[in-house]
C-alpha atoms as a PDB file:
ATOM      1  CA  UNK A   1      -0.040  -0.139   0.390  1.00  0.00           C
ATOM      2  CA  UNK A   2       1.466   3.559  -0.885  1.00  0.00           C
ATOM      3  CA  UNK A   3       1.555   5.520   2.086  1.00  0.00           C
ATOM      4  CA  UNK A   4      -0.747   8.917   2.794  1.00  0.00           C
ATOM      5  CA  UNK A   5       0.049  11.297   5.166  1.00  0.00           C
ATOM      6  CA  UNK A   6      -3.015  13.353   6.727  1.00  0.00           C
ATOM      7  CA  UNK A   7      -1.366  16.364   8.653  1.00  0.00           C
ATOM      8  CA  UNK A   8      -3.469  18.672  10.677  1.00  0.00           C
ATOM      9  CA  UNK A   9      -2.016  22.184  12.024  1.00  0.00           C
ATOM     10  CA  UNK A  10      -3.472  24.127  14.570  1.00  0.00           C
ATOM     11  CA  UNK A  11      -4.813  28.087  15.066  1.00  0.00           C
ATOM     12  CA  UNK A  12      -1.228  28.902  17.117  1.00  0.00           C
ATOM     13  CA  UNK A  13       0.614  27.536  13.871  1.00  0.00           C
ATOM     14  CA  UNK A  14      -1.311  29.451  11.691  1.00  0.00           C
ATOM     15  CA  UNK A  15      -1.391  33.060  13.540  1.00  0.00           C
ATOM     16  CA  UNK A  16       2.504  32.332  13.629  1.00  0.00           C
ATOM     17  CA  UNK A  17       3.885  33.639   9.818  1.00  0.00           C
ATOM     18  CA  UNK A  18       7.492  32.045  10.986  1.00  0.00           C
ATOM     19  CA  UNK A  19       6.110  28.787  12.367  1.00  0.00           C
ATOM     20  CA  UNK A  20       3.471  28.613   9.281  1.00  0.00           C
ATOM     21  CA  UNK A  21       6.583  28.755   6.819  1.00  0.00           C
ATOM     22  CA  UNK A  22       8.940  26.023   8.689  1.00  0.00           C
ATOM     23  CA  UNK A  23       5.498  24.009   8.702  1.00  0.00           C
ATOM     24  CA  UNK A  24       4.764  24.301   5.106  1.00  0.00           C
ATOM     25  CA  UNK A  25       9.079  23.884   4.280  1.00  0.00           C
ATOM     26  CA  UNK A  26       8.712  20.522   6.044  1.00  0.00           C
ATOM     27  CA  UNK A  27       5.360  19.599   4.616  1.00  0.00           C
ATOM     28  CA  UNK A  28       6.908  20.623   0.776  1.00  0.00           C
ATOM     29  CA  UNK A  29      10.039  17.805   1.891  1.00  0.00           C
ATOM     30  CA  UNK A  30       7.715  15.057   2.370  1.00  0.00           C
ATOM     31  CA  UNK A  31       8.018  12.197  -0.218  1.00  0.00           C
ATOM     32  CA  UNK A  32       4.330  10.509  -1.214  1.00  0.00           C
ATOM     33  CA  UNK A  33       1.042  11.619  -0.950  1.00  0.00           C
ATOM     34  CA  UNK A  34       0.058  14.316   1.734  1.00  0.00           C
ATOM     35  CA  UNK A  35      -3.081  16.189   2.857  1.00  0.00           C
ATOM     36  CA  UNK A  36      -2.816  19.325   5.116  1.00  0.00           C
ATOM     37  CA  UNK A  37      -5.459  20.230   7.554  1.00  0.00           C
ATOM     38  CA  UNK A  38      -5.898  23.503   9.028  1.00  0.00           C
ATOM     39  CA  UNK A  39      -7.325  25.220  11.982  1.00  0.00           C
ATOM     40  CA  UNK A  40      -8.575  28.720  11.940  1.00  0.00           C
ATOM     41  CA  UNK A  41      -6.523  30.285  14.530  1.00  0.00           C
ATOM     42  CA  UNK A  42      -7.489  34.237  16.318  1.00  0.00           C
ATOM     43  CA  UNK A  43      -8.213  35.671  12.642  1.00  0.00           C
ATOM     44  CA  UNK A  44     -11.920  34.802  12.636  1.00  0.00           C
ATOM     45  CA  UNK A  45     -12.139  36.223  16.715  1.00  0.00           C
ATOM     46  CA  UNK A  46     -10.353  39.572  15.354  1.00  0.00           C
ATOM     47  CA  UNK A  47     -12.611  40.099  12.294  1.00  0.00           C
ATOM     48  CA  UNK A  48     -15.913  39.077  14.618  1.00  0.00           C
ATOM     49  CA  UNK A  49     -14.890  41.769  17.007  1.00  0.00           C
ATOM     50  CA  UNK A  50     -14.093  44.271  14.843  1.00  0.00           C
ATOM     51  CA  UNK A  51     -17.423  43.811  13.182  1.00  0.00           C
ATOM     52  CA  UNK A  52     -19.158  44.033  16.192  1.00  0.00           C
ATOM     53  CA  UNK A  53     -20.114  40.356  16.478  1.00  0.00           C
ATOM     54  CA  UNK A  54     -20.306  38.869  19.626  1.00  0.00           C
ATOM     55  CA  UNK A  55     -17.515  35.675  20.045  1.00  0.00           C
ATOM     56  CA  UNK A  56     -18.996  33.114  22.632  1.00  0.00           C
ATOM     57  CA  UNK A  57     -16.785  29.851  23.875  1.00  0.00           C
ATOM     58  CA  UNK A  58     -17.570  26.993  25.687  1.00  0.00           C
ATOM     59  CA  UNK A  59     -15.070  24.766  26.500  1.00  0.00           C
ATOM     60  CA  UNK A  60     -12.512  26.265  24.085  1.00  0.00           C
ATOM     61  CA  UNK A  61     -15.307  25.428  21.626  1.00  0.00           C
ATOM     62  CA  UNK A  62     -16.516  28.114  19.305  1.00  0.00           C
ATOM     63  CA  UNK A  63     -20.632  28.639  19.459  1.00  0.00           C
ATOM     64  CA  UNK A  64     -21.636  29.151  15.472  1.00  0.00           C
ATOM     65  CA  UNK A  65     -23.903  31.193  15.106  1.00  0.00           C
ATOM     66  CA  UNK A  66     -25.186  32.906  11.548  1.00  0.00           C
ATOM     67  CA  UNK A  67     -23.587  35.817  11.563  1.00  0.00           C
ATOM     68  CA  UNK A  68     -20.325  34.030  13.073  1.00  0.00           C
ATOM     69  CA  UNK A  69     -20.871  31.029  10.547  1.00  0.00           C
ATOM     70  CA  UNK A  70     -20.521  33.652   7.655  1.00  0.00           C
ATOM     71  CA  UNK A  71     -17.137  35.320   9.223  1.00  0.00           C
ATOM     72  CA  UNK A  72     -15.464  32.078   9.701  1.00  0.00           C
ATOM     73  CA  UNK A  73     -16.143  30.578   6.127  1.00  0.00           C
ATOM     74  CA  UNK A  74     -14.787  33.773   4.706  1.00  0.00           C
ATOM     75  CA  UNK A  75     -11.667  33.210   6.992  1.00  0.00           C
ATOM     76  CA  UNK A  76     -11.115  29.732   7.204  1.00  0.00           C
ATOM     77  CA  UNK A  77     -12.143  28.806   3.610  1.00  0.00           C
ATOM     78  CA  UNK A  78     -11.176  32.103   2.233  1.00  0.00           C
ATOM     79  CA  UNK A  79      -8.349  33.736   3.328  1.00  0.00           C
ATOM     80  CA  UNK A  80      -6.285  31.257   5.566  1.00  0.00           C
ATOM     81  CA  UNK A  81      -6.827  28.273   3.321  1.00  0.00           C
ATOM     82  CA  UNK A  82      -5.839  29.972  -0.277  1.00  0.00           C
ATOM     83  CA  UNK A  83      -2.591  32.017   1.769  1.00  0.00           C
ATOM     84  CA  UNK A  84      -1.377  28.601   2.722  1.00  0.00           C
ATOM     85  CA  UNK A  85      -2.161  27.068  -1.132  1.00  0.00           C
ATOM     86  CA  UNK A  86      -0.026  30.306  -2.525  1.00  0.00           C
ATOM     87  CA  UNK A  87       2.850  29.925   0.121  1.00  0.00           C
ATOM     88  CA  UNK A  88       3.052  25.845  -0.766  1.00  0.00           C
ATOM     89  CA  UNK A  89       2.684  26.602  -4.529  1.00  0.00           C
ATOM     90  CA  UNK A  90       5.890  29.316  -3.834  1.00  0.00           C
ATOM     91  CA  UNK A  91       7.672  25.968  -2.570  1.00  0.00           C
ATOM     92  CA  UNK A  92       6.566  23.795  -5.774  1.00  0.00           C
ATOM     93  CA  UNK A  93       3.988  22.048  -4.012  1.00  0.00           C
ATOM     94  CA  UNK A  94       1.057  22.140  -6.653  1.00  0.00           C
ATOM     95  CA  UNK A  95      -1.574  22.609  -3.582  1.00  0.00           C
ATOM     96  CA  UNK A  96      -5.545  22.725  -4.451  1.00  0.00           C
ATOM     97  CA  UNK A  97      -7.554  24.542  -1.361  1.00  0.00           C
ATOM     98  CA  UNK A  98     -11.033  22.792  -0.559  1.00  0.00           C
ATOM     99  CA  UNK A  99     -13.449  23.230   2.153  1.00  0.00           C
ATOM    100  CA  UNK A 100     -16.008  20.204   2.625  1.00  0.00           C
ATOM    101  CA  UNK A 101     -18.582  21.656   0.486  1.00  0.00           C
ATOM    102  CA  UNK A 102     -15.890  21.445  -2.501  1.00  0.00           C
ATOM    103  CA  UNK A 103     -16.534  18.350  -4.805  1.00  0.00           C
ATOM    104  CA  UNK A 104     -18.711  17.172  -1.682  1.00  0.00           C
ATOM    105  CA  UNK A 105     -15.788  16.733   0.114  1.00  0.00           C
ATOM    106  CA  UNK A 106     -16.995  16.384   3.610  1.00  0.00           C
ATOM    107  CA  UNK A 107     -20.667  15.795   4.463  1.00  0.00           C
ATOM    108  CA  UNK A 108     -21.898  16.308   8.187  1.00  0.00           C
ATOM    109  CA  UNK A 109     -24.874  17.276   9.931  1.00  0.00           C
ATOM    110  CA  UNK A 110     -26.060  19.810  12.489  1.00  0.00           C
ATOM    111  CA  UNK A 111     -24.583  18.757  15.912  1.00  0.00           C
ATOM    112  CA  UNK A 112     -27.600  17.325  18.074  1.00  0.00           C
ATOM    113  CA  UNK A 113     -27.857  15.902  21.310  1.00  0.00           C
ATOM    114  CA  UNK A 114     -25.496  18.150  23.038  1.00  0.00           C
ATOM    115  CA  UNK A 115     -26.388  19.806  26.283  1.00  0.00           C
ATOM    116  CA  UNK A 116     -24.850  23.270  24.918  1.00  0.00           C
ATOM    117  CA  UNK A 117     -26.214  24.481  21.251  1.00  0.00           C
ATOM    118  CA  UNK A 118     -23.143  25.053  19.722  1.00  0.00           C
ATOM    119  CA  UNK A 119     -25.429  26.981  16.546  1.00  0.00           C
ATOM    120  CA  UNK A 120     -24.136  25.778  13.165  1.00  0.00           C
ATOM    121  CA  UNK A 121     -21.366  23.156  14.127  1.00  0.00           C
ATOM    122  CA  UNK A 122     -21.192  20.237  12.053  1.00  0.00           C
ATOM    123  CA  UNK A 123     -20.309  16.438  12.961  1.00  0.00           C
ATOM    124  CA  UNK A 124     -18.678  14.296  10.282  1.00  0.00           C
ATOM    125  CA  UNK A 125     -21.072  11.737   8.543  1.00  0.00           C
ATOM    126  CA  UNK A 126     -19.155  10.873   5.098  1.00  0.00           C
ATOM    127  CA  UNK A 127     -15.750  11.780   3.239  1.00  0.00           C
ATOM    128  CA  UNK A 128     -15.882  11.781  -0.634  1.00  0.00           C
ATOM    129  CA  UNK A 129     -12.984   9.253  -0.887  1.00  0.00           C
ATOM    130  CA  UNK A 130     -13.456   9.016  -4.662  1.00  0.00           C
ATOM    131  CA  UNK A 131     -12.803  12.571  -5.091  1.00  0.00           C
ATOM    132  CA  UNK A 132      -9.542  12.716  -2.967  1.00  0.00           C
ATOM    133  CA  UNK A 133      -8.098   9.684  -4.338  1.00  0.00           C
ATOM    134  CA  UNK A 134      -8.643  10.835  -7.662  1.00  0.00           C
ATOM    135  CA  UNK A 135      -6.681  14.071  -6.827  1.00  0.00           C
ATOM    136  CA  UNK A 136      -3.924  13.240  -5.301  1.00  0.00           C
ATOM    137  CA  UNK A 137      -2.997  10.355  -7.543  1.00  0.00           C
ATOM    138  CA  UNK A 138      -2.851  13.385 -10.123  1.00  0.00           C
ATOM    139  CA  UNK A 139      -0.011  14.455  -7.599  1.00  0.00           C
ATOM    140  CA  UNK A 140      -2.186  17.302  -6.140  1.00  0.00           C
ATOM    141  CA  UNK A 141      -1.674  18.356  -2.361  1.00  0.00           C
ATOM    142  CA  UNK A 142      -4.954  19.264  -0.585  1.00  0.00           C
ATOM    143  CA  UNK A 143      -5.417  22.081   1.643  1.00  0.00           C
ATOM    144  CA  UNK A 144      -8.948  21.242   3.353  1.00  0.00           C
ATOM    145  CA  UNK A 145     -10.469  24.145   5.380  1.00  0.00           C
ATOM    146  CA  UNK A 146     -12.719  22.843   8.730  1.00  0.00           C
ATOM    147  CA  UNK A 147     -16.131  24.174   6.625  1.00  0.00           C
ATOM    148  CA  UNK A 148     -18.586  21.458   5.785  1.00  0.00           C
ATOM    149  CA  UNK A 149     -21.903  21.223   4.584  1.00  0.00           C
ATOM    150  CA  UNK A 150     -25.024  19.220   5.012  1.00  0.00           C
ATOM    151  CA  UNK A 151     -26.148  18.566   1.788  1.00  0.00           C
ATOM    152  CA  UNK A 152     -28.742  20.538   1.829  1.00  0.00           C
ATOM    153  CA  UNK A 153     -27.445  23.749   0.895  1.00  0.00           C
ATOM    154  CA  UNK A 154     -26.263  24.538   4.678  1.00  0.00           C
ATOM    155  CA  UNK A 155     -22.303  25.146   5.442  1.00  0.00           C
ATOM    156  CA  UNK A 156     -21.020  24.026   9.109  1.00  0.00           C
ATOM    157  CA  UNK A 157     -18.361  24.678  11.141  1.00  0.00           C
ATOM    158  CA  UNK A 158     -16.653  21.536  11.890  1.00  0.00           C
ATOM    159  CA  UNK A 159     -13.601  21.040  14.421  1.00  0.00           C
ATOM    160  CA  UNK A 160     -10.757  20.395  12.173  1.00  0.00           C
ATOM    161  CA  UNK A 161      -8.899  17.870  14.723  1.00  0.00           C
ATOM    162  CA  UNK A 162     -12.458  15.707  13.817  1.00  0.00           C
ATOM    163  CA  UNK A 163     -11.789  16.306   9.840  1.00  0.00           C
ATOM    164  CA  UNK A 164      -8.412  15.022  10.141  1.00  0.00           C
ATOM    165  CA  UNK A 165      -9.399  11.744  11.993  1.00  0.00           C
ATOM    166  CA  UNK A 166     -12.221  11.353   9.108  1.00  0.00           C
ATOM    167  CA  UNK A 167     -10.213  11.714   6.277  1.00  0.00           C
ATOM    168  CA  UNK A 168      -7.788  10.094   8.029  1.00  0.00           C
ATOM    169  CA  UNK A 169      -9.907   7.032   8.471  1.00  0.00           C
ATOM    170  CA  UNK A 170     -11.842   6.550   5.341  1.00  0.00           C
ATOM    171  CA  UNK A 171      -8.188   6.578   3.260  1.00  0.00           C
ATOM    172  CA  UNK A 172      -6.940   4.256   5.230  1.00  0.00           C
ATOM    173  CA  UNK A 173      -8.932   1.572   3.064  1.00  0.00           C
ATOM    174  CA  UNK A 174      -6.919   2.728   0.406  1.00  0.00           C
ATOM    175  CA  UNK A 175      -3.791   3.613   1.831  1.00  0.00           C
ATOM    176  CA  UNK A 176      -1.194   3.210   4.876  1.00  0.00           C
ATOM    177  CA  UNK A 177      -2.455   6.162   6.606  1.00  0.00           C
ATOM    178  CA  UNK A 178      -0.245   8.113   8.965  1.00  0.00           C
ATOM    179  CA  UNK A 179      -2.045  11.099  11.032  1.00  0.00           C
ATOM    180  CA  UNK A 180      -0.474  13.682  12.319  1.00  0.00           C
ATOM    181  CA  UNK A 181      -1.568  16.602  14.748  1.00  0.00           C
ATOM    182  CA  UNK A 182       0.978  19.288  14.152  1.00  0.00           C
ATOM    183  CA  UNK A 183       1.024  22.347  16.837  1.00  0.00           C
ATOM    184  CA  UNK A 184       3.163  24.488  18.696  1.00  0.00           C
ATOM    185  CA  UNK A 185       4.785  22.326  21.438  1.00  0.00           C
ATOM    186  CA  UNK A 186       7.125  19.421  21.358  1.00  0.00           C
ATOM    187  CA  UNK A 187       4.711  16.876  22.047  1.00  0.00           C
ATOM    188  CA  UNK A 188       2.056  15.860  25.169  1.00  0.00           C
ATOM    189  CA  UNK A 189       3.930  16.978  27.704  1.00  0.00           C
ATOM    190  CA  UNK A 190       4.489  15.648  31.452  1.00  0.00           C
ATOM    191  CA  UNK A 191       4.685  19.040  32.856  1.00  0.00           C
ATOM    192  CA  UNK A 192       3.119  21.721  30.831  1.00  0.00           C
ATOM    193  CA  UNK A 193       5.898  24.076  32.195  1.00  0.00           C
ATOM    194  CA  UNK A 194       8.854  22.445  30.942  1.00  0.00           C
ATOM    195  CA  UNK A 195       8.880  22.479  27.213  1.00  0.00           C
ATOM    196  CA  UNK A 196      11.263  19.207  27.446  1.00  0.00           C
ATOM    197  CA  UNK A 197       9.127  16.505  29.169  1.00  0.00           C
ATOM    198  CA  UNK A 198       7.486  15.090  26.120  1.00  0.00           C
ATOM    199  CA  UNK A 199       6.147  11.765  26.922  1.00  0.00           C
ATOM    200  CA  UNK A 200       7.142   9.573  23.846  1.00  0.00           C
ATOM    201  CA  UNK A 201       3.677   7.265  23.653  1.00  0.00           C
ATOM    202  CA  UNK A 202       0.843   6.870  25.436  1.00  0.00           C
ATOM    203  CA  UNK A 203      -1.451   4.025  24.995  1.00  0.00           C
ATOM    204  CA  UNK A 204      -5.295   3.491  26.587  1.00  0.00           C
ATOM    205  CA  UNK A 205      -4.260   2.857  30.486  1.00  0.00           C
ATOM    206  CA  UNK A 206      -1.603   5.628  30.243  1.00  0.00           C
ATOM    207  CA  UNK A 207      -4.138   7.953  28.813  1.00  0.00           C
ATOM    208  CA  UNK A 208      -6.449   7.188  31.449  1.00  0.00           C
ATOM    209  CA  UNK A 209      -4.321   8.005  34.431  1.00  0.00           C
ATOM    210  CA  UNK A 210      -2.465  11.121  32.829  1.00  0.00           C
ATOM    211  CA  UNK A 211      -6.565  12.619  32.554  1.00  0.00           C
ATOM    212  CA  UNK A 212      -6.719  11.416  35.748  1.00  0.00           C
ATOM    213  CA  UNK A 213      -4.076  13.011  37.186  1.00  0.00           C
ATOM    214  CA  UNK A 214      -5.098  16.156  34.994  1.00  0.00           C
ATOM    215  CA  UNK A 215      -1.455  16.253  33.309  1.00  0.00           C
ATOM    216  CA  UNK A 216      -3.486  15.647  29.760  1.00  0.00           C
ATOM    217  CA  UNK A 217      -7.034  18.384  30.163  1.00  0.00           C
ATOM    218  CA  UNK A 218      -8.748  20.654  27.890  1.00  0.00           C
ATOM    219  CA  UNK A 219      -7.834  20.410  23.983  1.00  0.00           C
ATOM    220  CA  UNK A 220      -5.943  17.379  23.805  1.00  0.00           C
ATOM    221  CA  UNK A 221      -8.507  15.418  25.459  1.00  0.00           C
ATOM    222  CA  UNK A 222     -10.726  15.958  21.894  1.00  0.00           C
ATOM    223  CA  UNK A 223      -7.161  15.887  19.938  1.00  0.00           C
ATOM    224  CA  UNK A 224      -6.254  12.263  21.470  1.00  0.00           C
ATOM    225  CA  UNK A 225      -9.694  11.069  21.690  1.00  0.00           C
ATOM    226  CA  UNK A 226      -9.698  11.357  17.870  1.00  0.00           C
ATOM    227  CA  UNK A 227      -6.203   9.462  17.684  1.00  0.00           C
ATOM    228  CA  UNK A 228      -7.823   6.395  18.917  1.00  0.00           C
ATOM    229  CA  UNK A 229     -10.495   6.426  16.841  1.00  0.00           C
ATOM    230  CA  UNK A 230      -8.535   6.297  13.661  1.00  0.00           C
ATOM    231  CA  UNK A 231      -6.161   3.607  15.245  1.00  0.00           C
ATOM    232  CA  UNK A 232      -9.539   1.606  16.058  1.00  0.00           C
ATOM    233  CA  UNK A 233     -10.482   2.369  12.404  1.00  0.00           C
ATOM    234  CA  UNK A 234      -7.259   0.781  10.605  1.00  0.00           C
ATOM    235  CA  UNK A 235      -5.027   4.282  10.240  1.00  0.00           C
ATOM    236  CA  UNK A 236      -1.447   3.118  10.861  1.00  0.00           C
ATOM    237  CA  UNK A 237      -0.487   5.404  13.207  1.00  0.00           C
ATOM    238  CA  UNK A 238      -0.698   8.543  15.213  1.00  0.00           C
ATOM    239  CA  UNK A 239       2.087  11.537  16.058  1.00  0.00           C
ATOM    240  CA  UNK A 240       1.328  14.537  18.029  1.00  0.00           C
ATOM    241  CA  UNK A 241       4.313  17.425  18.016  1.00  0.00           C
ATOM    242  CA  UNK A 242       6.234  20.356  16.471  1.00  0.00           C
ATOM    243  CA  UNK A 243       3.898  21.033  13.466  1.00  0.00           C
ATOM    244  CA  UNK A 244       7.602  22.351  11.378  1.00  0.00           C
ATOM    245  CA  UNK A 245       9.406  18.880  12.885  1.00  0.00           C
ATOM    246  CA  UNK A 246       7.067  16.915  10.262  1.00  0.00           C
ATOM    247  CA  UNK A 247      10.214  14.434   9.216  1.00  0.00           C
ATOM    248  CA  UNK A 248      11.174  13.691  12.619  1.00  0.00           C
ATOM    249  CA  UNK A 249       7.321  12.909  13.596  1.00  0.00           C
ATOM    250  CA  UNK A 250       7.200  10.866  10.507  1.00  0.00           C
ATOM    251  CA  UNK A 251      10.624   9.144  11.460  1.00  0.00           C
ATOM    252  CA  UNK A 252       9.924   8.677  15.131  1.00  0.00           C
ATOM    253  CA  UNK A 253      12.114  11.043  16.794  1.00  0.00           C
ATOM    254  CA  UNK A 254      10.075  13.461  17.860  1.00  0.00           C
ATOM    255  CA  UNK A 255       7.057  13.724  19.371  1.00  0.00           C
ATOM    256  CA  UNK A 256       4.387  11.571  21.553  1.00  0.00           C
ATOM    257  CA  UNK A 257       3.369   8.671  19.574  1.00  0.00           C
ATOM    258  CA  UNK A 258      -0.209   7.329  20.458  1.00  0.00           C
ATOM    259  CA  UNK A 259      -0.550   3.352  20.728  1.00  0.00           C
ATOM    260  CA  UNK A 260      -3.508   1.456  21.447  1.00  0.00           C
END
C-alpha cells in the first residue's frame, strides 16, 4: 500500500507566520501523498470583534451562530486556506484548497443532542474518498479548510481535528495512512511548564491515568480521542508534535506516538 500523510496544523501555527512558513517548508519536503488540514486561529475572532459580532466560547469551542458562520467561512475557507495554498505553490507544491462543500468532499450534520447548542457546528457523516484519491493520484496536495456542508445547502463549522481523523480513517481503506497532529509544542507534555517533558508514547491505560492526574486536559483530550478513533479504524499511526518538525515526527525521533 502507498503511504498517505494526513497532517493537521492548529490555529497557533496558522497565527504565526514564521512557524507556518517552517511547517509548510517541511510539508513540501515530504515524499509521497500528503493532505494538510488546517484550523482557524485568531483571525476569525479578530474579524468578528471588528464587525461587532459577539463571540461565545464554551470549553474552548466556538458557538457558531449565523453571523459567525459567515465570518469563519470567509476566514477559514477563504484567506487562511488560500494563503497556505499560495505559500505551498511558491515551494513547488501543486496545492489545491478545498472546503468540505467543494466537490461534496465532506458531508456533515448539525450537531444535536449536546447539552449546549453549538449553533451551526457540524459532525462528519461522510468523506468523498473517490474525489480525494483522484486528486492525490494526480500529485495534487490538498489543503482542507474546516468548513463542511449538510447536502441541503447549509454550511457548517467543523472541528479540524475531527476532519483530519475522518479523512485519515476513510482513506485507510486505500492507503497506509499516518495521521499527524502538528501544533506549537514538542508533543504531549508531562509538565506543561517544561517544553522538554515530552511523553514519547501513550497507550490507553496511560491515557486514562494522565487524565485523572490532570496532566492531559482541555483541548488535548479531543485530539487524543480522535487519535484512538483513527487507530481503531485502521490508521497505521498517530503522532502529536511540533508542526515544523514533520520529518522528525514521521521517522519517530520527535513527538508523542499514540498507541492502542
